[in-house]
Amino acid sequence: MGYTIEDAAALAERAKLRFSHDQLVKLTKDLNDIIRYVDQLAVLDTEGVPPMTHPHSFINVWRDDEPREGLTVEQALANAPDRQGQFFRVPRIVAGEAEE
C-alpha cells in the first residue's frame, strides 16, 4: 500500500504547508520512494548488530574545557548594528510603561 495524493495533501495540511497539484504529485512519488527504501532495509538481517544513533563512532570530539581569556567589550561589540556605550542596543519589544 502506498501513499495517495490525498494522503500527501493531508500530511502537508498537518505541517501547515501548501503545495500545487504538481508538487503534491511529486511529494506523493517521493513519499512512496522513501517507504520502498525503508521496506528494503526491513528485510536486512540485523541480528547481532547493536543499535546506533550515528553512523560514525565519535568519542568526545569536544575540546577540553579550560579557562581562557574572553573577548574584550570592543571585540564583542565590533559588529553590533547599534550600541550604547558598552551594551548592545536593541528595539523595545514591550509596549507601554508598567502600571502601579
PDB file of N, CA and C in Angstrom:
ATOM      1  N   MET A   1       0.843  -1.184   0.000  1.00  0.00           N
ATOM      2  CA  MET A   1       0.000   0.000   0.000  1.00  0.00           C
ATOM      3  C   MET A   1       0.881   1.237   0.000  1.00  0.00           C
ATOM      4  N   GLY A   2       0.578   2.171  -0.838  1.00  0.00           N
ATOM      5  CA  GLY A   2       1.376   3.384  -0.921  1.00  0.00           C
ATOM      6  C   GLY A   2       0.566   4.615  -0.572  1.00  0.00           C
ATOM      7  N   TYR A   3       1.260   5.720  -0.540  1.00  0.00           N
ATOM      8  CA  TYR A   3       0.609   6.993  -0.290  1.00  0.00           C
ATOM      9  C   TYR A   3      -0.135   7.457  -1.537  1.00  0.00           C
ATOM     10  N   THR A   4      -1.271   8.106  -1.329  1.00  0.00           N
ATOM     11  CA  THR A   4      -2.027   8.712  -2.426  1.00  0.00           C
ATOM     12  C   THR A   4      -1.823  10.222  -2.374  1.00  0.00           C
ATOM     13  N   ILE A   5      -2.280  10.900  -3.412  1.00  0.00           N
ATOM     14  CA  ILE A   5      -2.199  12.373  -3.414  1.00  0.00           C
ATOM     15  C   ILE A   5      -2.991  12.938  -2.235  1.00  0.00           C
ATOM     16  N   GLU A   6      -4.101  12.304  -1.895  1.00  0.00           N
ATOM     17  CA  GLU A   6      -4.902  12.763  -0.749  1.00  0.00           C
ATOM     18  C   GLU A   6      -4.109  12.628   0.549  1.00  0.00           C
ATOM     19  N   ASP A   7      -3.353  11.533   0.689  1.00  0.00           N
ATOM     20  CA  ASP A   7      -2.501  11.350   1.873  1.00  0.00           C
ATOM     21  C   ASP A   7      -1.444  12.458   1.944  1.00  0.00           C
ATOM     22  N   ALA A   8      -0.819  12.745   0.807  1.00  0.00           N
ATOM     23  CA  ALA A   8       0.209  13.786   0.770  1.00  0.00           C
ATOM     24  C   ALA A   8      -0.400  15.140   1.096  1.00  0.00           C
ATOM     25  N   ALA A   9      -1.599  15.411   0.589  1.00  0.00           N
ATOM     26  CA  ALA A   9      -2.272  16.683   0.873  1.00  0.00           C
ATOM     27  C   ALA A   9      -2.608  16.795   2.354  1.00  0.00           C
ATOM     28  N   ALA A  10      -3.068  15.701   2.968  1.00  0.00           N
ATOM     29  CA  ALA A  10      -3.391  15.705   4.398  1.00  0.00           C
ATOM     30  C   ALA A  10      -2.127  15.922   5.230  1.00  0.00           C
ATOM     31  N   LEU A  11      -1.041  15.270   4.833  1.00  0.00           N
ATOM     32  CA  LEU A  11       0.230  15.440   5.536  1.00  0.00           C
ATOM     33  C   LEU A  11       0.713  16.880   5.428  1.00  0.00           C
ATOM     34  N   ALA A  12       0.608  17.461   4.235  1.00  0.00           N
ATOM     35  CA  ALA A  12       1.012  18.852   4.027  1.00  0.00           C
ATOM     36  C   ALA A  12       0.161  19.788   4.879  1.00  0.00           C
ATOM     37  N   GLU A  13      -1.134  19.510   4.959  1.00  0.00           N
ATOM     38  CA  GLU A  13      -2.017  20.360   5.761  1.00  0.00           C
ATOM     39  C   GLU A  13      -1.641  20.303   7.235  1.00  0.00           C
ATOM     40  N   ARG A  14      -1.343  19.118   7.732  1.00  0.00           N
ATOM     41  CA  ARG A  14      -0.932  18.985   9.138  1.00  0.00           C
ATOM     42  C   ARG A  14       0.362  19.748   9.417  1.00  0.00           C
ATOM     43  N   ALA A  15       1.230  19.801   8.410  1.00  0.00           N
ATOM     44  CA  ALA A  15       2.501  20.514   8.555  1.00  0.00           C
ATOM     45  C   ALA A  15       2.353  21.995   8.206  1.00  0.00           C
ATOM     46  N   LYS A  16       1.117  22.408   7.890  1.00  0.00           N
ATOM     47  CA  LYS A  16       0.821  23.796   7.512  1.00  0.00           C
ATOM     48  C   LYS A  16       1.635  24.246   6.304  1.00  0.00           C
ATOM     49  N   LEU A  17       1.716  23.351   5.313  1.00  0.00           N
ATOM     50  CA  LEU A  17       2.408  23.625   4.058  1.00  0.00           C
ATOM     51  C   LEU A  17       1.395  23.628   2.928  1.00  0.00           C
ATOM     52  N   ARG A  18       1.658  24.441   1.928  1.00  0.00           N
ATOM     53  CA  ARG A  18       0.793  24.476   0.750  1.00  0.00           C
ATOM     54  C   ARG A  18       1.591  24.066  -0.480  1.00  0.00           C
ATOM     55  N   PHE A  19       1.009  23.179  -1.265  1.00  0.00           N
ATOM     56  CA  PHE A  19       1.647  22.703  -2.481  1.00  0.00           C
ATOM     57  C   PHE A  19       0.658  22.789  -3.633  1.00  0.00           C
ATOM     58  N   SER A  20       1.181  23.017  -4.817  1.00  0.00           N
ATOM     59  CA  SER A  20       0.358  22.942  -6.020  1.00  0.00           C
ATOM     60  C   SER A  20       0.072  21.469  -6.297  1.00  0.00           C
ATOM     61  N   HIS A  21      -0.843  21.214  -7.226  1.00  0.00           N
ATOM     62  CA  HIS A  21      -1.161  19.822  -7.585  1.00  0.00           C
ATOM     63  C   HIS A  21       0.093  19.097  -8.089  1.00  0.00           C
ATOM     64  N   ASP A  22       0.882  19.776  -8.945  1.00  0.00           N
ATOM     65  CA  ASP A  22       2.106  19.155  -9.471  1.00  0.00           C
ATOM     66  C   ASP A  22       3.091  18.832  -8.349  1.00  0.00           C
ATOM     67  N   GLN A  23       3.189  19.726  -7.379  1.00  0.00           N
ATOM     68  CA  GLN A  23       4.087  19.476  -6.245  1.00  0.00           C
ATOM     69  C   GLN A  23       3.577  18.304  -5.408  1.00  0.00           C
ATOM     70  N   LEU A  24       2.253  18.205  -5.236  1.00  0.00           N
ATOM     71  CA  LEU A  24       1.693  17.077  -4.488  1.00  0.00           C
ATOM     72  C   LEU A  24       1.944  15.759  -5.206  1.00  0.00           C
ATOM     73  N   VAL A  25       1.882  15.765  -6.533  1.00  0.00           N
ATOM     74  CA  VAL A  25       2.186  14.557  -7.292  1.00  0.00           C
ATOM     75  C   VAL A  25       3.623  14.126  -7.023  1.00  0.00           C
ATOM     76  N   LYS A  26       4.560  15.084  -7.063  1.00  0.00           N
ATOM     77  CA  LYS A  26       5.970  14.771  -6.797  1.00  0.00           C
ATOM     78  C   LYS A  26       6.160  14.325  -5.346  1.00  0.00           C
ATOM     79  N   LEU A  27       5.501  15.010  -4.406  1.00  0.00           N
ATOM     80  CA  LEU A  27       5.606  14.643  -2.998  1.00  0.00           C
ATOM     81  C   LEU A  27       5.100  13.220  -2.779  1.00  0.00           C
ATOM     82  N   THR A  28       4.005  12.871  -3.436  1.00  0.00           N
ATOM     83  CA  THR A  28       3.460  11.514  -3.320  1.00  0.00           C
ATOM     84  C   THR A  28       4.467  10.486  -3.817  1.00  0.00           C
ATOM     85  N   LYS A  29       5.080  10.754  -4.965  1.00  0.00           N
ATOM     86  CA  LYS A  29       6.105   9.846  -5.500  1.00  0.00           C
ATOM     87  C   LYS A  29       7.271   9.738  -4.530  1.00  0.00           C
ATOM     88  N   ASP A  30       7.734  10.891  -3.997  1.00  0.00           N
ATOM     89  CA  ASP A  30       8.866  10.883  -3.065  1.00  0.00           C
ATOM     90  C   ASP A  30       8.537  10.088  -1.805  1.00  0.00           C
ATOM     91  N   LEU A  31       7.336  10.287  -1.257  1.00  0.00           N
ATOM     92  CA  LEU A  31       6.941   9.543  -0.053  1.00  0.00           C
ATOM     93  C   LEU A  31       6.932   8.038  -0.318  1.00  0.00           C
ATOM     94  N   ASN A  32       6.395   7.658  -1.463  1.00  0.00           N
ATOM     95  CA  ASN A  32       6.368   6.233  -1.802  1.00  0.00           C
ATOM     96  C   ASN A  32       7.766   5.675  -2.025  1.00  0.00           C
ATOM     97  N   ASP A  33       8.658   6.461  -2.617  1.00  0.00           N
ATOM     98  CA  ASP A  33      10.053   6.026  -2.781  1.00  0.00           C
ATOM     99  C   ASP A  33      10.715   5.813  -1.416  1.00  0.00           C
ATOM    100  N   ILE A  34      10.446   6.717  -0.479  1.00  0.00           N
ATOM    101  CA  ILE A  34      11.020   6.589   0.871  1.00  0.00           C
ATOM    102  C   ILE A  34      10.513   5.319   1.543  1.00  0.00           C
ATOM    103  N   ILE A  35       9.216   5.079   1.449  1.00  0.00           N
ATOM    104  CA  ILE A  35       8.635   3.878   2.062  1.00  0.00           C
ATOM    105  C   ILE A  35       9.238   2.616   1.450  1.00  0.00           C
ATOM    106  N   ARG A  36       9.396   2.598   0.119  1.00  0.00           N
ATOM    107  CA  ARG A  36      10.012   1.425  -0.532  1.00  0.00           C
ATOM    108  C   ARG A  36      11.449   1.225  -0.037  1.00  0.00           C
ATOM    109  N   TYR A  37      12.189   2.313   0.130  1.00  0.00           N
ATOM    110  CA  TYR A  37      13.567   2.213   0.622  1.00  0.00           C
ATOM    111  C   TYR A  37      13.588   1.642   2.045  1.00  0.00           C
ATOM    112  N   VAL A  38      12.717   2.159   2.908  1.00  0.00           N
ATOM    113  CA  VAL A  38      12.660   1.660   4.285  1.00  0.00           C
ATOM    114  C   VAL A  38      12.247   0.191   4.292  1.00  0.00           C
ATOM    115  N   ASP A  39      11.330  -0.180   3.404  1.00  0.00           N
ATOM    116  CA  ASP A  39      10.941  -1.591   3.308  1.00  0.00           C
ATOM    117  C   ASP A  39      12.125  -2.474   2.933  1.00  0.00           C
ATOM    118  N   GLN A  40      13.014  -1.963   2.070  1.00  0.00           N
ATOM    119  CA  GLN A  40      14.215  -2.727   1.715  1.00  0.00           C
ATOM    120  C   GLN A  40      15.102  -2.924   2.945  1.00  0.00           C
ATOM    121  N   LEU A  41      15.202  -1.905   3.763  1.00  0.00           N
ATOM    122  CA  LEU A  41      16.029  -2.008   4.967  1.00  0.00           C
ATOM    123  C   LEU A  41      15.440  -3.008   5.956  1.00  0.00           C
ATOM    124  N   ALA A  42      14.119  -3.120   5.969  1.00  0.00           N
ATOM    125  CA  ALA A  42      13.452  -4.014   6.914  1.00  0.00           C
ATOM    126  C   ALA A  42      13.784  -5.475   6.663  1.00  0.00           C
ATOM    127  N   VAL A  43      14.179  -5.857   5.449  1.00  0.00           N
ATOM    128  CA  VAL A  43      14.473  -7.263   5.170  1.00  0.00           C
ATOM    129  C   VAL A  43      15.919  -7.632   5.476  1.00  0.00           C
ATOM    130  N   LEU A  44      16.742  -6.653   5.830  1.00  0.00           N
ATOM    131  CA  LEU A  44      18.136  -6.948   6.162  1.00  0.00           C
ATOM    132  C   LEU A  44      18.238  -7.701   7.472  1.00  0.00           C
ATOM    133  N   ASP A  45      19.190  -8.598   7.555  1.00  0.00           N
ATOM    134  CA  ASP A  45      19.433  -9.343   8.781  1.00  0.00           C
ATOM    135  C   ASP A  45      20.279  -8.472   9.701  1.00  0.00           C
ATOM    136  N   THR A  46      19.676  -7.988  10.769  1.00  0.00           N
ATOM    137  CA  THR A  46      20.400  -7.126  11.718  1.00  0.00           C
ATOM    138  C   THR A  46      20.660  -7.845  13.043  1.00  0.00           C
ATOM    139  N   GLU A  47      20.508  -9.146  13.032  1.00  0.00           N
ATOM    140  CA  GLU A  47      20.770  -9.921  14.249  1.00  0.00           C
ATOM    141  C   GLU A  47      22.211  -9.707  14.691  1.00  0.00           C
ATOM    142  N   GLY A  48      22.402  -9.333  15.937  1.00  0.00           N
ATOM    143  CA  GLY A  48      23.742  -9.124  16.479  1.00  0.00           C
ATOM    144  C   GLY A  48      24.326  -7.751  16.157  1.00  0.00           C
ATOM    145  N   VAL A  49      23.591  -6.913  15.443  1.00  0.00           N
ATOM    146  CA  VAL A  49      24.078  -5.570  15.153  1.00  0.00           C
ATOM    147  C   VAL A  49      23.508  -4.627  16.217  1.00  0.00           C
ATOM    148  N   PRO A  50      24.385  -3.997  16.994  1.00  0.00           N
ATOM    149  CA  PRO A  50      23.873  -3.128  18.067  1.00  0.00           C
ATOM    150  C   PRO A  50      23.215  -1.871  17.488  1.00  0.00           C
ATOM    151  N   PRO A  51      22.174  -1.375  18.149  1.00  0.00           N
ATOM    152  CA  PRO A  51      21.534  -0.138  17.694  1.00  0.00           C
ATOM    153  C   PRO A  51      22.530   1.012  17.748  1.00  0.00           C
ATOM    154  N   MET A  52      22.369   1.970  16.858  1.00  0.00           N
ATOM    155  CA  MET A  52      23.278   3.106  16.863  1.00  0.00           C
ATOM    156  C   MET A  52      22.499   4.387  16.614  1.00  0.00           C
ATOM    157  N   THR A  53      23.043   5.482  17.093  1.00  0.00           N
ATOM    158  CA  THR A  53      22.406   6.779  16.898  1.00  0.00           C
ATOM    159  C   THR A  53      23.084   7.569  15.800  1.00  0.00           C
ATOM    160  N   HIS A  54      24.248   7.105  15.364  1.00  0.00           N
ATOM    161  CA  HIS A  54      25.016   7.822  14.349  1.00  0.00           C
ATOM    162  C   HIS A  54      25.864   6.807  13.591  1.00  0.00           C
ATOM    163  N   PRO A  55      26.078   7.004  12.294  1.00  0.00           N
ATOM    164  CA  PRO A  55      26.849   6.025  11.541  1.00  0.00           C
ATOM    165  C   PRO A  55      28.346   6.025  11.842  1.00  0.00           C
ATOM    166  N   HIS A  56      28.820   7.029  12.550  1.00  0.00           N
ATOM    167  CA  HIS A  56      30.251   7.106  12.876  1.00  0.00           C
ATOM    168  C   HIS A  56      30.451   7.008  14.378  1.00  0.00           C
ATOM    169  N   SER A  57      31.572   6.467  14.779  1.00  0.00           N
ATOM    170  CA  SER A  57      31.895   6.382  16.205  1.00  0.00           C
ATOM    171  C   SER A  57      32.683   7.614  16.612  1.00  0.00           C
ATOM    172  N   PHE A  58      32.017   8.518  17.279  1.00  0.00           N
ATOM    173  CA  PHE A  58      32.693   9.715  17.778  1.00  0.00           C
ATOM    174  C   PHE A  58      32.861   9.576  19.278  1.00  0.00           C
ATOM    175  N   ILE A  59      34.065   9.826  19.728  1.00  0.00           N
ATOM    176  CA  ILE A  59      34.326   9.779  21.158  1.00  0.00           C
ATOM    177  C   ILE A  59      34.864  11.137  21.571  1.00  0.00           C
ATOM    178  N   ASN A  60      34.090  11.861  22.349  1.00  0.00           N
ATOM    179  CA  ASN A  60      34.461  13.171  22.871  1.00  0.00           C
ATOM    180  C   ASN A  60      35.179  14.024  21.823  1.00  0.00           C
ATOM    181  N   VAL A  61      34.426  14.525  20.888  1.00  0.00           N
ATOM    182  CA  VAL A  61      35.006  15.358  19.836  1.00  0.00           C
ATOM    183  C   VAL A  61      35.157  16.808  20.280  1.00  0.00           C
ATOM    184  N   TRP A  62      34.797  17.109  21.518  1.00  0.00           N
ATOM    185  CA  TRP A  62      34.903  18.473  22.041  1.00  0.00           C
ATOM    186  C   TRP A  62      36.294  18.723  22.597  1.00  0.00           C
ATOM    187  N   ARG A  63      36.681  19.962  22.594  1.00  0.00           N
ATOM    188  CA  ARG A  63      37.965  20.337  23.180  1.00  0.00           C
ATOM    189  C   ARG A  63      37.851  20.294  24.705  1.00  0.00           C
ATOM    190  N   ASP A  64      38.981  20.244  25.371  1.00  0.00           N
ATOM    191  CA  ASP A  64      38.973  20.297  26.826  1.00  0.00           C
ATOM    192  C   ASP A  64      38.423  21.646  27.278  1.00  0.00           C
ATOM    193  N   ASP A  65      37.655  21.623  28.347  1.00  0.00           N
ATOM    194  CA  ASP A  65      37.063  22.841  28.896  1.00  0.00           C
ATOM    195  C   ASP A  65      38.065  23.484  29.847  1.00  0.00           C
ATOM    196  N   GLU A  66      38.805  24.428  29.300  1.00  0.00           N
ATOM    197  CA  GLU A  66      39.823  25.104  30.095  1.00  0.00           C
ATOM    198  C   GLU A  66      39.569  26.599  30.075  1.00  0.00           C
ATOM    199  N   PRO A  67      39.793  27.278  31.206  1.00  0.00           N
ATOM    200  CA  PRO A  67      39.581  28.729  31.226  1.00  0.00           C
ATOM    201  C   PRO A  67      40.560  29.441  30.296  1.00  0.00           C
ATOM    202  N   ARG A  68      40.080  30.478  29.644  1.00  0.00           N
ATOM    203  CA  ARG A  68      40.942  31.301  28.794  1.00  0.00           C
ATOM    204  C   ARG A  68      40.329  32.685  28.678  1.00  0.00           C
ATOM    205  N   GLU A  69      41.088  33.599  28.155  1.00  0.00           N
ATOM    206  CA  GLU A  69      40.625  34.968  28.016  1.00  0.00           C
ATOM    207  C   GLU A  69      39.421  35.045  27.082  1.00  0.00           C
ATOM    208  N   GLY A  70      38.458  35.865  27.447  1.00  0.00           N
ATOM    209  CA  GLY A  70      37.292  36.085  26.604  1.00  0.00           C
ATOM    210  C   GLY A  70      37.507  37.311  25.727  1.00  0.00           C
ATOM    211  N   LEU A  71      36.458  37.703  25.034  1.00  0.00           N
ATOM    212  CA  LEU A  71      36.523  38.884  24.184  1.00  0.00           C
ATOM    213  C   LEU A  71      36.511  40.154  25.022  1.00  0.00           C
ATOM    214  N   THR A  72      37.165  41.168  24.504  1.00  0.00           N
ATOM    215  CA  THR A  72      37.051  42.485  25.138  1.00  0.00           C
ATOM    216  C   THR A  72      35.698  43.063  24.739  1.00  0.00           C
ATOM    217  N   VAL A  73      35.258  44.106  25.420  1.00  0.00           N
ATOM    218  CA  VAL A  73      34.000  44.761  25.075  1.00  0.00           C
ATOM    219  C   VAL A  73      34.045  45.234  23.625  1.00  0.00           C
ATOM    220  N   GLU A  74      35.150  45.812  23.220  1.00  0.00           N
ATOM    221  CA  GLU A  74      35.279  46.316  21.848  1.00  0.00           C
ATOM    222  C   GLU A  74      35.182  45.174  20.827  1.00  0.00           C
ATOM    223  N   GLN A  75      35.808  44.057  21.111  1.00  0.00           N
ATOM    224  CA  GLN A  75      35.725  42.920  20.190  1.00  0.00           C
ATOM    225  C   GLN A  75      34.290  42.384  20.114  1.00  0.00           C
ATOM    226  N   ALA A  76      33.640  42.283  21.258  1.00  0.00           N
ATOM    227  CA  ALA A  76      32.282  41.749  21.299  1.00  0.00           C
ATOM    228  C   ALA A  76      31.304  42.658  20.557  1.00  0.00           C
ATOM    229  N   LEU A  77      31.507  43.964  20.623  1.00  0.00           N
ATOM    230  CA  LEU A  77      30.579  44.912  20.013  1.00  0.00           C
ATOM    231  C   LEU A  77      31.040  45.408  18.645  1.00  0.00           C
ATOM    232  N   ALA A  78      32.113  44.862  18.124  1.00  0.00           N
ATOM    233  CA  ALA A  78      32.689  45.347  16.867  1.00  0.00           C
ATOM    234  C   ALA A  78      31.690  45.322  15.712  1.00  0.00           C
ATOM    235  N   ASN A  79      30.846  44.333  15.620  1.00  0.00           N
ATOM    236  CA  ASN A  79      29.888  44.237  14.518  1.00  0.00           C
ATOM    237  C   ASN A  79      28.456  44.542  14.944  1.00  0.00           C
ATOM    238  N   ALA A  80      28.290  45.104  16.121  1.00  0.00           N
ATOM    239  CA  ALA A  80      26.944  45.421  16.597  1.00  0.00           C
ATOM    240  C   ALA A  80      26.328  46.503  15.716  1.00  0.00           C
ATOM    241  N   PRO A  81      25.094  46.286  15.233  1.00  0.00           N
ATOM    242  CA  PRO A  81      24.463  47.296  14.392  1.00  0.00           C
ATOM    243  C   PRO A  81      24.143  48.575  15.160  1.00  0.00           C
ATOM    244  N   ASP A  82      23.917  48.452  16.472  1.00  0.00           N
ATOM    245  CA  ASP A  82      23.612  49.624  17.292  1.00  0.00           C
ATOM    246  C   ASP A  82      24.105  49.331  18.708  1.00  0.00           C
ATOM    247  N   ARG A  83      24.751  50.287  19.297  1.00  0.00           N
ATOM    248  CA  ARG A  83      25.244  50.086  20.658  1.00  0.00           C
ATOM    249  C   ARG A  83      25.085  51.353  21.457  1.00  0.00           C
ATOM    250  N   GLN A  84      25.073  51.189  22.746  1.00  0.00           N
ATOM    251  CA  GLN A  84      25.013  52.326  23.662  1.00  0.00           C
ATOM    252  C   GLN A  84      26.073  52.068  24.717  1.00  0.00           C
ATOM    253  N   GLY A  85      27.193  52.777  24.581  1.00  0.00           N
ATOM    254  CA  GLY A  85      28.321  52.561  25.476  1.00  0.00           C
ATOM    255  C   GLY A  85      28.861  51.159  25.304  1.00  0.00           C
ATOM    256  N   GLN A  86      28.868  50.388  26.392  1.00  0.00           N
ATOM    257  CA  GLN A  86      29.393  49.026  26.317  1.00  0.00           C
ATOM    258  C   GLN A  86      28.291  47.967  26.227  1.00  0.00           C
ATOM    259  N   PHE A  87      27.114  48.373  25.711  1.00  0.00           N
ATOM    260  CA  PHE A  87      25.980  47.453  25.614  1.00  0.00           C
ATOM    261  C   PHE A  87      25.435  47.400  24.188  1.00  0.00           C
ATOM    262  N   PHE A  88      24.869  46.253  23.822  1.00  0.00           N
ATOM    263  CA  PHE A  88      24.110  46.157  22.582  1.00  0.00           C
ATOM    264  C   PHE A  88      22.826  46.956  22.773  1.00  0.00           C
ATOM    265  N   ARG A  89      22.411  47.670  21.760  1.00  0.00           N
ATOM    266  CA  ARG A  89      21.133  48.372  21.821  1.00  0.00           C
ATOM    267  C   ARG A  89      20.171  47.639  20.902  1.00  0.00           C
ATOM    268  N   VAL A  90      19.010  47.279  21.443  1.00  0.00           N
ATOM    269  CA  VAL A  90      18.028  46.513  20.685  1.00  0.00           C
ATOM    270  C   VAL A  90      16.690  47.235  20.702  1.00  0.00           C
ATOM    271  N   PRO A  91      15.809  46.942  19.745  1.00  0.00           N
ATOM    272  CA  PRO A  91      14.497  47.587  19.738  1.00  0.00           C
ATOM    273  C   PRO A  91      13.674  47.167  20.947  1.00  0.00           C
ATOM    274  N   ARG A  92      12.845  48.087  21.420  1.00  0.00           N
ATOM    275  CA  ARG A  92      11.953  47.800  22.533  1.00  0.00           C
ATOM    276  C   ARG A  92      10.903  46.797  22.071  1.00  0.00           C
ATOM    277  N   ILE A  93      10.656  45.773  22.859  1.00  0.00           N
ATOM    278  CA  ILE A  93       9.672  44.757  22.470  1.00  0.00           C
ATOM    279  C   ILE A  93       8.455  44.756  23.388  1.00  0.00           C
ATOM    280  N   VAL A  94       8.494  45.520  24.465  1.00  0.00           N
ATOM    281  CA  VAL A  94       7.375  45.606  25.385  1.00  0.00           C
ATOM    282  C   VAL A  94       6.812  47.019  25.290  1.00  0.00           C
ATOM    283  N   ALA A  95       5.551  47.137  24.931  1.00  0.00           N
ATOM    284  CA  ALA A  95       4.942  48.459  24.768  1.00  0.00           C
ATOM    285  C   ALA A  95       4.457  49.003  26.117  1.00  0.00           C
ATOM    286  N   GLY A  96       4.523  50.323  26.263  1.00  0.00           N
ATOM    287  CA  GLY A  96       3.949  50.988  27.432  1.00  0.00           C
ATOM    288  C   GLY A  96       4.818  50.922  28.667  1.00  0.00           C
ATOM    289  N   GLU A  97       4.366  51.630  29.676  1.00  0.00           N
ATOM    290  CA  GLU A  97       5.061  51.670  30.961  1.00  0.00           C
ATOM    291  C   GLU A  97       4.355  50.714  31.935  1.00  0.00           C
ATOM    292  N   ALA A  98       5.072  50.281  32.938  1.00  0.00           N
ATOM    293  CA  ALA A  98       4.477  49.432  33.968  1.00  0.00           C
ATOM    294  C   ALA A  98       3.506  50.274  34.795  1.00  0.00           C
ATOM    295  N   GLU A  99       2.323  49.753  35.059  1.00  0.00           N
ATOM    296  CA  GLU A  99       1.335  50.483  35.853  1.00  0.00           C
ATOM    297  C   GLU A  99       1.449  50.065  37.296  1.00  0.00           C
ATOM    298  N   GLU A 100       1.226  51.035  38.181  1.00  0.00           N
ATOM    299  CA  GLU A 100       1.304  50.735  39.610  1.00  0.00           C
ATOM    300  C   GLU A 100      -0.056  50.480  40.185  1.00  0.00           C
TER     301      GLU A 100
END
